[in-house]
PDB file of N, CA and C in Angstrom:
ATOM      1  N   HIS A   1      69.709  94.388 106.811  1.00  0.00           N
ATOM      2  CA  HIS A   1      70.983  93.845 106.635  1.00  0.00           C
ATOM      3  C   HIS A   1      71.303  92.768 107.563  1.00  0.00           C
ATOM      4  N   GLY A   2      71.672  91.556 107.295  1.00  0.00           N
ATOM      5  CA  GLY A   2      71.963  90.525 108.205  1.00  0.00           C
ATOM      6  C   GLY A   2      73.429  90.603 108.675  1.00  0.00           C
ATOM      7  N   ALA A   3      73.638  89.851 109.708  1.00  0.00           N
ATOM      8  CA  ALA A   3      75.094  89.923 110.210  1.00  0.00           C
ATOM      9  C   ALA A   3      75.989  89.171 109.248  1.00  0.00           C
ATOM     10  N   LYS A   4      77.083  89.789 109.052  1.00  0.00           N
ATOM     11  CA  LYS A   4      78.135  89.068 108.121  1.00  0.00           C
ATOM     12  C   LYS A   4      78.743  87.814 108.723  1.00  0.00           C
ATOM     13  N   LYS A   5      78.933  86.860 107.984  1.00  0.00           N
ATOM     14  CA  LYS A   5      79.691  85.526 108.484  1.00  0.00           C
ATOM     15  C   LYS A   5      81.098  85.865 108.673  1.00  0.00           C
ATOM     16  N   THR A   6      81.781  85.293 109.572  1.00  0.00           N
ATOM     17  CA  THR A   6      83.161  85.445 109.715  1.00  0.00           C
ATOM     18  C   THR A   6      83.959  84.170 109.293  1.00  0.00           C
ATOM     19  N   CYS A   7      85.062  84.361 109.015  1.00  0.00           N
ATOM     20  CA  CYS A   7      86.122  83.387 108.331  1.00  0.00           C
ATOM     21  C   CYS A   7      86.044  82.049 109.267  1.00  0.00           C
ATOM     22  N   SER A   8      86.073  80.886 108.493  1.00  0.00           N
ATOM     23  CA  SER A   8      86.154  79.659 109.236  1.00  0.00           C
ATOM     24  C   SER A   8      87.480  79.243 109.856  1.00  0.00           C
ATOM     25  N   HIS A   9      88.465  79.984 109.343  1.00  0.00           N
ATOM     26  CA  HIS A   9      89.774  79.806 109.909  1.00  0.00           C
ATOM     27  C   HIS A   9      89.815  80.040 111.423  1.00  0.00           C
ATOM     28  N   GLU A  10      90.391  79.130 112.300  1.00  0.00           N
ATOM     29  CA  GLU A  10      90.512  79.192 113.690  1.00  0.00           C
ATOM     30  C   GLU A  10      91.161  80.678 114.128  1.00  0.00           C
ATOM     31  N   GLY A  11      90.276  81.190 114.873  1.00  0.00           N
ATOM     32  CA  GLY A  11      90.734  82.449 115.470  1.00  0.00           C
ATOM     33  C   GLY A  11      90.587  83.734 114.656  1.00  0.00           C
ATOM     34  N   CYS A  12      90.152  83.614 113.403  1.00  0.00           N
ATOM     35  CA  CYS A  12      90.119  84.715 112.514  1.00  0.00           C
ATOM     36  C   CYS A  12      88.800  85.352 112.641  1.00  0.00           C
ATOM     37  N   THR A  13      88.783  86.629 112.669  1.00  0.00           N
ATOM     38  CA  THR A  13      87.423  87.407 112.919  1.00  0.00           C
ATOM     39  C   THR A  13      86.972  88.188 111.525  1.00  0.00           C
ATOM     40  N   LYS A  14      87.821  88.116 110.580  1.00  0.00           N
ATOM     41  CA  LYS A  14      87.471  88.757 109.362  1.00  0.00           C
ATOM     42  C   LYS A  14      86.232  88.271 108.548  1.00  0.00           C
ATOM     43  N   SER A  15      85.803  89.089 107.691  1.00  0.00           N
ATOM     44  CA  SER A  15      84.500  88.698 107.042  1.00  0.00           C
ATOM     45  C   SER A  15      84.699  87.755 105.881  1.00  0.00           C
ATOM     46  N   VAL A  16      83.769  86.838 105.682  1.00  0.00           N
ATOM     47  CA  VAL A  16      83.772  85.819 104.730  1.00  0.00           C
ATOM     48  C   VAL A  16      83.699  86.528 103.308  1.00  0.00           C
ATOM     49  N   VAL A  17      84.636  86.069 102.350  1.00  0.00           N
ATOM     50  CA  VAL A  17      84.569  86.624 101.074  1.00  0.00           C
ATOM     51  C   VAL A  17      84.108  85.550 100.047  1.00  0.00           C
ATOM     52  N   GLN A  18      84.613  84.369 100.160  1.00  0.00           N
ATOM     53  CA  GLN A  18      84.222  83.250  99.208  1.00  0.00           C
ATOM     54  C   GLN A  18      84.602  82.050  99.899  1.00  0.00           C
ATOM     55  N   GLY A  19      83.703  80.943  99.821  1.00  0.00           N
ATOM     56  CA  GLY A  19      84.064  79.621 100.300  1.00  0.00           C
ATOM     57  C   GLY A  19      84.184  79.513 101.781  1.00  0.00           C
ATOM     58  N   GLY A  20      83.553  80.291 102.599  1.00  0.00           N
ATOM     59  CA  GLY A  20      83.548  80.355 103.916  1.00  0.00           C
ATOM     60  C   GLY A  20      85.054  80.966 104.705  1.00  0.00           C
ATOM     61  N   VAL A  21      85.866  81.546 103.631  1.00  0.00           N
ATOM     62  CA  VAL A  21      87.099  82.083 104.212  1.00  0.00           C
ATOM     63  C   VAL A  21      87.311  83.600 103.634  1.00  0.00           C
ATOM     64  N   CYS A  22      88.198  84.266 104.442  1.00  0.00           N
ATOM     65  CA  CYS A  22      88.507  85.574 104.137  1.00  0.00           C
ATOM     66  C   CYS A  22      89.556  85.630 103.041  1.00  0.00           C
ATOM     67  N   ILE A  23      90.065  86.767 102.494  1.00  0.00           N
ATOM     68  CA  ILE A  23      91.170  86.651 101.530  1.00  0.00           C
ATOM     69  C   ILE A  23      92.400  86.270 102.068  1.00  0.00           C
ATOM     70  N   THR A  24      92.652  86.575 103.437  1.00  0.00           N
ATOM     71  CA  THR A  24      94.009  86.145 103.961  1.00  0.00           C
ATOM     72  C   THR A  24      94.061  84.589 104.136  1.00  0.00           C
ATOM     73  N   HIS A  25      92.964  83.966 104.184  1.00  0.00           N
ATOM     74  CA  HIS A  25      92.949  82.450 104.270  1.00  0.00           C
ATOM     75  C   HIS A  25      92.591  81.902 103.001  1.00  0.00           C
ATOM     76  N   GLY A  26      92.700  82.472 101.819  1.00  0.00           N
ATOM     77  CA  GLY A  26      92.580  81.753 100.514  1.00  0.00           C
ATOM     78  C   GLY A  26      91.397  82.212  99.610  1.00  0.00           C
ATOM     79  N   ALA A  27      90.491  83.096 100.074  1.00  0.00           N
ATOM     80  CA  ALA A  27      89.454  83.389  99.188  1.00  0.00           C
ATOM     81  C   ALA A  27      89.937  84.211  98.130  1.00  0.00           C
ATOM     82  N   LYS A  28      89.593  83.957  96.854  1.00  0.00           N
ATOM     83  CA  LYS A  28      89.882  84.679  95.610  1.00  0.00           C
ATOM     84  C   LYS A  28      89.026  85.772  95.379  1.00  0.00           C
ATOM     85  N   GLN A  29      89.432  87.099  95.369  1.00  0.00           N
ATOM     86  CA  GLN A  29      88.579  88.205  95.062  1.00  0.00           C
ATOM     87  C   GLN A  29      88.552  88.233  93.557  1.00  0.00           C
ATOM     88  N   PRO A  30      87.185  88.420  93.029  1.00  0.00           N
ATOM     89  CA  PRO A  30      87.104  88.432  91.725  1.00  0.00           C
ATOM     90  C   PRO A  30      87.711  89.945  91.209  1.00  0.00           C
ATOM     91  N   LYS A  31      88.394  89.827  90.057  1.00  0.00           N
ATOM     92  CA  LYS A  31      88.914  91.042  89.383  1.00  0.00           C
ATOM     93  C   LYS A  31      87.846  91.775  88.431  1.00  0.00           C
ATOM     94  N   LYS A  32      87.899  93.009  88.631  1.00  0.00           N
ATOM     95  CA  LYS A  32      86.789  93.650  87.778  1.00  0.00           C
ATOM     96  C   LYS A  32      87.519  93.942  86.355  1.00  0.00           C
ATOM     97  N   THR A  33      86.678  93.794  85.208  1.00  0.00           N
ATOM     98  CA  THR A  33      87.213  93.931  83.964  1.00  0.00           C
ATOM     99  C   THR A  33      86.929  95.425  83.455  1.00  0.00           C
ATOM    100  N   CYS A  34      87.551  95.856  82.497  1.00  0.00           N
ATOM    101  CA  CYS A  34      87.228  97.230  81.891  1.00  0.00           C
ATOM    102  C   CYS A  34      85.770  97.402  81.355  1.00  0.00           C
ATOM    103  N   SER A  35      85.220  98.477  81.635  1.00  0.00           N
ATOM    104  CA  SER A  35      83.717  98.562  81.228  1.00  0.00           C
ATOM    105  C   SER A  35      83.539  99.045  79.786  1.00  0.00           C
ATOM    106  N   HIS A  36      84.777  99.211  79.087  1.00  0.00           N
ATOM    107  CA  HIS A  36      84.721  99.635  77.717  1.00  0.00           C
ATOM    108  C   HIS A  36      84.300  98.440  76.914  1.00  0.00           C
ATOM    109  N   GLU A  37      83.301  98.542  75.952  1.00  0.00           N
ATOM    110  CA  GLU A  37      82.811  97.431  75.143  1.00  0.00           C
ATOM    111  C   GLU A  37      83.991  96.650  74.511  1.00  0.00           C
ATOM    112  N   GLY A  38      83.778  95.407  74.784  1.00  0.00           N
ATOM    113  CA  GLY A  38      84.709  94.561  74.075  1.00  0.00           C
ATOM    114  C   GLY A  38      86.162  94.366  74.604  1.00  0.00           C
ATOM    115  N   CYS A  39      86.396  94.995  75.767  1.00  0.00           N
ATOM    116  CA  CYS A  39      87.725  95.019  76.371  1.00  0.00           C
ATOM    117  C   CYS A  39      87.670  94.019  77.638  1.00  0.00           C
ATOM    118  N   THR A  40      88.656  93.202  77.674  1.00  0.00           N
ATOM    119  CA  THR A  40      88.774  92.133  78.702  1.00  0.00           C
ATOM    120  C   THR A  40      89.878  92.432  79.666  1.00  0.00           C
ATOM    121  N   ASN A  41      90.464  93.626  79.632  1.00  0.00           N
ATOM    122  CA  ASN A  41      91.548  93.990  80.503  1.00  0.00           C
ATOM    123  C   ASN A  41      91.037  94.232  81.948  1.00  0.00           C
ATOM    124  N   GLN A  42      91.906  94.234  82.850  1.00  0.00           N
ATOM    125  CA  GLN A  42      91.608  94.435  84.267  1.00  0.00           C
ATOM    126  C   GLN A  42      91.344  95.966  84.503  1.00  0.00           C
ATOM    127  N   ALA A  43      90.309  96.338  85.097  1.00  0.00           N
ATOM    128  CA  ALA A  43      90.005  97.645  85.280  1.00  0.00           C
ATOM    129  C   ALA A  43      90.968  98.260  86.454  1.00  0.00           C
ATOM    130  N   VAL A  44      91.498  99.319  86.252  1.00  0.00           N
ATOM    131  CA  VAL A  44      92.549  99.961  87.327  1.00  0.00           C
ATOM    132  C   VAL A  44      91.939 101.248  88.024  1.00  0.00           C
ATOM    133  N   VAL A  45      91.269 101.911  87.164  1.00  0.00           N
ATOM    134  CA  VAL A  45      90.738 103.188  87.788  1.00  0.00           C
ATOM    135  C   VAL A  45      89.472 103.625  87.008  1.00  0.00           C
ATOM    136  N   ARG A  46      88.526 104.075  87.863  1.00  0.00           N
ATOM    137  CA  ARG A  46      87.238 104.492  87.532  1.00  0.00           C
ATOM    138  C   ARG A  46      86.605 103.556  86.512  1.00  0.00           C
ATOM    139  N   GLY A  47      86.566 102.208  86.745  1.00  0.00           N
ATOM    140  CA  GLY A  47      85.943 101.182  85.911  1.00  0.00           C
ATOM    141  C   GLY A  47      86.617 100.882  84.604  1.00  0.00           C
ATOM    142  N   VAL A  48      87.709 101.447  84.285  1.00  0.00           N
ATOM    143  CA  VAL A  48      88.331 101.164  83.025  1.00  0.00           C
ATOM    144  C   VAL A  48      89.807 100.851  83.196  1.00  0.00           C
ATOM    145  N   CYS A  49      90.371 100.242  82.121  1.00  0.00           N
ATOM    146  CA  CYS A  49      91.830  99.817  82.127  1.00  0.00           C
ATOM    147  C   CYS A  49      92.589 100.921  82.000  1.00  0.00           C
ATOM    148  N   ARG A  50      93.900 100.888  82.055  1.00  0.00           N
ATOM    149  CA  ARG A  50      94.915 101.804  81.794  1.00  0.00           C
ATOM    150  C   ARG A  50      94.675 102.506  80.395  1.00  0.00           C
ATOM    151  N   ARG A  51      94.659 101.614  79.426  1.00  0.00           N
ATOM    152  CA  ARG A  51      94.586 102.073  78.053  1.00  0.00           C
ATOM    153  C   ARG A  51      93.272 103.088  77.782  1.00  0.00           C
ATOM    154  N   HIS A  52      92.204 102.590  78.276  1.00  0.00           N
ATOM    155  CA  HIS A  52      91.012 103.288  77.952  1.00  0.00           C
ATOM    156  C   HIS A  52      90.904 104.559  79.004  1.00  0.00           C
ATOM    157  N   ALA A  53      91.600 104.512  80.016  1.00  0.00           N
ATOM    158  CA  ALA A  53      91.706 105.758  80.869  1.00  0.00           C
ATOM    159  C   ALA A  53      92.485 106.667  80.232  1.00  0.00           C
ATOM    160  N   ILE A  54      93.575 106.382  79.591  1.00  0.00           N
ATOM    161  CA  ILE A  54      94.395 107.297  78.836  1.00  0.00           C
ATOM    162  C   ILE A  54      93.663 107.801  77.584  1.00  0.00           C
ATOM    163  N   ASN A  55      93.019 106.928  77.022  1.00  0.00           N
ATOM    164  CA  ASN A  55      92.214 107.405  75.670  1.00  0.00           C
ATOM    165  C   ASN A  55      91.019 108.378  76.193  1.00  0.00           C
ATOM    166  N   GLN A  56      90.472 108.277  77.331  1.00  0.00           N
ATOM    167  CA  GLN A  56      89.386 109.089  77.756  1.00  0.00           C
ATOM    168  C   GLN A  56      90.124 110.479  78.011  1.00  0.00           C
ATOM    169  N   VAL A  57      91.168 110.584  78.630  1.00  0.00           N
ATOM    170  CA  VAL A  57      91.832 111.905  78.845  1.00  0.00           C
ATOM    171  C   VAL A  57      92.176 112.456  77.573  1.00  0.00           C
ATOM    172  N   GLN A  58      92.824 111.771  76.582  1.00  0.00           N
ATOM    173  CA  GLN A  58      93.098 112.317  75.367  1.00  0.00           C
ATOM    174  C   GLN A  58      92.102 112.743  74.467  1.00  0.00           C
ATOM    175  N   SER A  59      90.861 112.055  74.579  1.00  0.00           N
ATOM    176  CA  SER A  59      89.807 112.599  73.778  1.00  0.00           C
ATOM    177  C   SER A  59      88.945 113.591  74.515  1.00  0.00           C
ATOM    178  N   GLY A  60      89.303 114.007  75.758  1.00  0.00           N
ATOM    179  CA  GLY A  60      88.539 115.101  76.492  1.00  0.00           C
ATOM    180  C   GLY A  60      87.228 114.563  77.191  1.00  0.00           C
ATOM    181  N   GLU A  61      86.994 113.295  77.244  1.00  0.00           N
ATOM    182  CA  GLU A  61      85.914 112.762  77.882  1.00  0.00           C
ATOM    183  C   GLU A  61      86.095 112.846  79.400  1.00  0.00           C
ATOM    184  N   GLU A  62      87.362 112.938  79.826  1.00  0.00           N
ATOM    185  CA  GLU A  62      87.653 112.837  81.273  1.00  0.00           C
ATOM    186  C   GLU A  62      88.676 113.940  81.497  1.00  0.00           C
ATOM    187  N   SER A  63      88.630 114.645  82.637  1.00  0.00           N
ATOM    188  CA  SER A  63      89.687 115.627  82.906  1.00  0.00           C
ATOM    189  C   SER A  63      90.925 114.969  83.214  1.00  0.00           C
ATOM    190  N   ALA A  64      91.985 115.649  82.636  1.00  0.00           N
ATOM    191  CA  ALA A  64      93.381 114.887  82.686  1.00  0.00           C
ATOM    192  C   ALA A  64      93.737 114.890  84.175  1.00  0.00           C
ATOM    193  N   GLY A  65      93.669 116.005  84.983  1.00  0.00           N
ATOM    194  CA  GLY A  65      93.976 116.044  86.316  1.00  0.00           C
ATOM    195  C   GLY A  65      93.425 114.946  87.215  1.00  0.00           C
ATOM    196  N   GLY A  66      92.158 114.736  87.260  1.00  0.00           N
ATOM    197  CA  GLY A  66      91.504 113.720  88.047  1.00  0.00           C
ATOM    198  C   GLY A  66      91.931 112.315  87.645  1.00  0.00           C
ATOM    199  N   MET A  67      91.957 111.914  86.345  1.00  0.00           N
ATOM    200  CA  MET A  67      92.220 110.663  85.868  1.00  0.00           C
ATOM    201  C   MET A  67      93.691 110.264  86.139  1.00  0.00           C
ATOM    202  N   VAL A  68      94.654 111.245  85.817  1.00  0.00           N
ATOM    203  CA  VAL A  68      96.091 111.166  86.110  1.00  0.00           C
ATOM    204  C   VAL A  68      96.406 110.844  87.574  1.00  0.00           C
ATOM    205  N   GLN A  69      95.664 111.713  88.358  1.00  0.00           N
ATOM    206  CA  GLN A  69      95.940 111.541  89.835  1.00  0.00           C
ATOM    207  C   GLN A  69      95.393 110.140  90.300  1.00  0.00           C
ATOM    208  N   SER A  70      94.389 109.725  89.750  1.00  0.00           N
ATOM    209  CA  SER A  70      93.764 108.472  90.113  1.00  0.00           C
ATOM    210  C   SER A  70      94.727 107.358  89.698  1.00  0.00           C
ATOM    211  N   LEU A  71      95.277 107.390  88.461  1.00  0.00           N
ATOM    212  CA  LEU A  71      96.331 106.463  87.945  1.00  0.00           C
ATOM    213  C   LEU A  71      97.535 106.475  88.838  1.00  0.00           C
ATOM    214  N   LEU A  72      98.022 107.658  89.194  1.00  0.00           N
ATOM    215  CA  LEU A  72      99.224 107.666  90.037  1.00  0.00           C
ATOM    216  C   LEU A  72      99.129 107.138  91.339  1.00  0.00           C
ATOM    217  N   LEU A  73      97.811 107.368  91.973  1.00  0.00           N
ATOM    218  CA  LEU A  73      97.532 106.741  93.221  1.00  0.00           C
ATOM    219  C   LEU A  73      97.370 105.411  93.136  1.00  0.00           C
ATOM    220  N   LYS A  74      96.854 104.729  92.146  1.00  0.00           N
ATOM    221  CA  LYS A  74      96.862 103.396  91.927  1.00  0.00           C
ATOM    222  C   LYS A  74      98.130 102.613  91.921  1.00  0.00           C
ATOM    223  N   ARG A  75      98.976 103.437  90.937  1.00  0.00           N
ATOM    224  CA  ARG A  75     100.399 102.743  90.766  1.00  0.00           C
ATOM    225  C   ARG A  75     101.056 102.879  92.131  1.00  0.00           C
ATOM    226  N   ALA A  76     100.994 103.953  92.901  1.00  0.00           N
ATOM    227  CA  ALA A  76     101.792 104.068  94.165  1.00  0.00           C
ATOM    228  C   ALA A  76     101.309 103.130  95.075  1.00  0.00           C
ATOM    229  N   VAL A  77     100.026 102.823  95.129  1.00  0.00           N
ATOM    230  CA  VAL A  77      99.485 101.671  96.063  1.00  0.00           C
ATOM    231  C   VAL A  77      99.957 100.317  95.698  1.00  0.00           C
ATOM    232  N   MET A  78      99.951  99.993  94.390  1.00  0.00           N
ATOM    233  CA  MET A  78     100.256  98.772  93.865  1.00  0.00           C
ATOM    234  C   MET A  78     101.685  98.488  93.949  1.00  0.00           C
ATOM    235  N   THR A  79     102.648  99.580  93.833  1.00  0.00           N
ATOM    236  CA  THR A  79     104.064  99.374  93.867  1.00  0.00           C
ATOM    237  C   THR A  79     104.800  99.956  94.993  1.00  0.00           C
ATOM    238  N   ASP A  80     104.048 100.514  95.944  1.00  0.00           N
ATOM    239  CA  ASP A  80     104.741 101.343  97.049  1.00  0.00           C
ATOM    240  C   ASP A  80     105.712 102.312  96.489  1.00  0.00           C
ATOM    241  N   ALA A  81     105.338 102.901  95.243  1.00  0.00           N
ATOM    242  CA  ALA A  81     106.301 103.865  94.757  1.00  0.00           C
ATOM    243  C   ALA A  81     105.826 105.245  95.023  1.00  0.00           C
ATOM    244  N   PRO A  82     106.876 106.185  95.096  1.00  0.00           N
ATOM    245  CA  PRO A  82     106.405 107.674  95.289  1.00  0.00           C
ATOM    246  C   PRO A  82     105.499 107.991  94.066  1.00  0.00           C
ATOM    247  N   THR A  83     104.653 109.030  94.317  1.00  0.00           N
ATOM    248  CA  THR A  83     103.755 109.461  93.230  1.00  0.00           C
ATOM    249  C   THR A  83     104.289 110.537  92.505  1.00  0.00           C
ATOM    250  N   LYS A  84     105.256 110.171  91.609  1.00  0.00           N
ATOM    251  CA  LYS A  84     106.020 111.092  90.555  1.00  0.00           C
ATOM    252  C   LYS A  84     104.945 111.173  89.311  1.00  0.00           C
ATOM    253  N   PRO A  85     104.898 112.296  88.601  1.00  0.00           N
ATOM    254  CA  PRO A  85     104.154 112.394  87.434  1.00  0.00           C
ATOM    255  C   PRO A  85     104.515 111.399  86.474  1.00  0.00           C
ATOM    256  N   LEU A  86     103.679 110.837  85.643  1.00  0.00           N
ATOM    257  CA  LEU A  86     104.022 109.845  84.606  1.00  0.00           C
ATOM    258  C   LEU A  86     105.070 110.425  83.677  1.00  0.00           C
ATOM    259  N   GLY A  87     106.035 109.534  83.432  1.00  0.00           N
ATOM    260  CA  GLY A  87     107.064 110.051  82.394  1.00  0.00           C
ATOM    261  C   GLY A  87     108.196 110.847  83.076  1.00  0.00           C
ATOM    262  N   GLU A  88     108.173 111.084  84.207  1.00  0.00           N
ATOM    263  CA  GLU A  88     109.332 111.824  84.920  1.00  0.00           C
ATOM    264  C   GLU A  88     110.432 110.791  85.471  1.00  0.00           C
ATOM    265  N   GLU A  89     111.429 110.975  84.950  1.00  0.00           N
ATOM    266  CA  GLU A  89     112.561 110.150  85.298  1.00  0.00           C
ATOM    267  C   GLU A  89     113.401 110.717  86.607  1.00  0.00           C
ATOM    268  N   SER A  90     113.974 109.794  87.326  1.00  0.00           N
ATOM    269  CA  SER A  90     114.811 110.293  88.416  1.00  0.00           C
ATOM    270  C   SER A  90     116.057 110.710  87.876  1.00  0.00           C
ATOM    271  N   ALA A  91     116.587 111.843  88.552  1.00  0.00           N
ATOM    272  CA  ALA A  91     118.084 112.380  87.960  1.00  0.00           C
ATOM    273  C   ALA A  91     119.157 111.551  88.504  1.00  0.00           C
ATOM    274  N   GLY A  92     120.274 111.525  87.864  1.00  0.00           N
ATOM    275  CA  GLY A  92     121.411 110.793  88.290  1.00  0.00           C
ATOM    276  C   GLY A  92     121.277 109.315  88.181  1.00  0.00           C
ATOM    277  N   GLY A  93     120.417 108.636  87.443  1.00  0.00           N
ATOM    278  CA  GLY A  93     120.236 107.028  87.350  1.00  0.00           C
ATOM    279  C   GLY A  93     120.911 106.558  86.404  1.00  0.00           C
TER     280      GLY A  93
END
């Protein structure tokens, strides 16, 4: 493995992602698409989109606990929201 290139922005020591710069300085990180045949949605968990993740759980292909926990974690990271079970509403709202 060779040495990784660093961002060309003055004073930045992050690794280059695209076009000589890091993500902070404008590189676009490619979005992964769902691995389900024919689906062009963005993959959010375990290589599949939210719809296909739910379908896998409902069809029994994937354990509900693991997939739901992955979806909750992804949702919490993306929204900085607490990890409440899906569908649980806050009381007094």
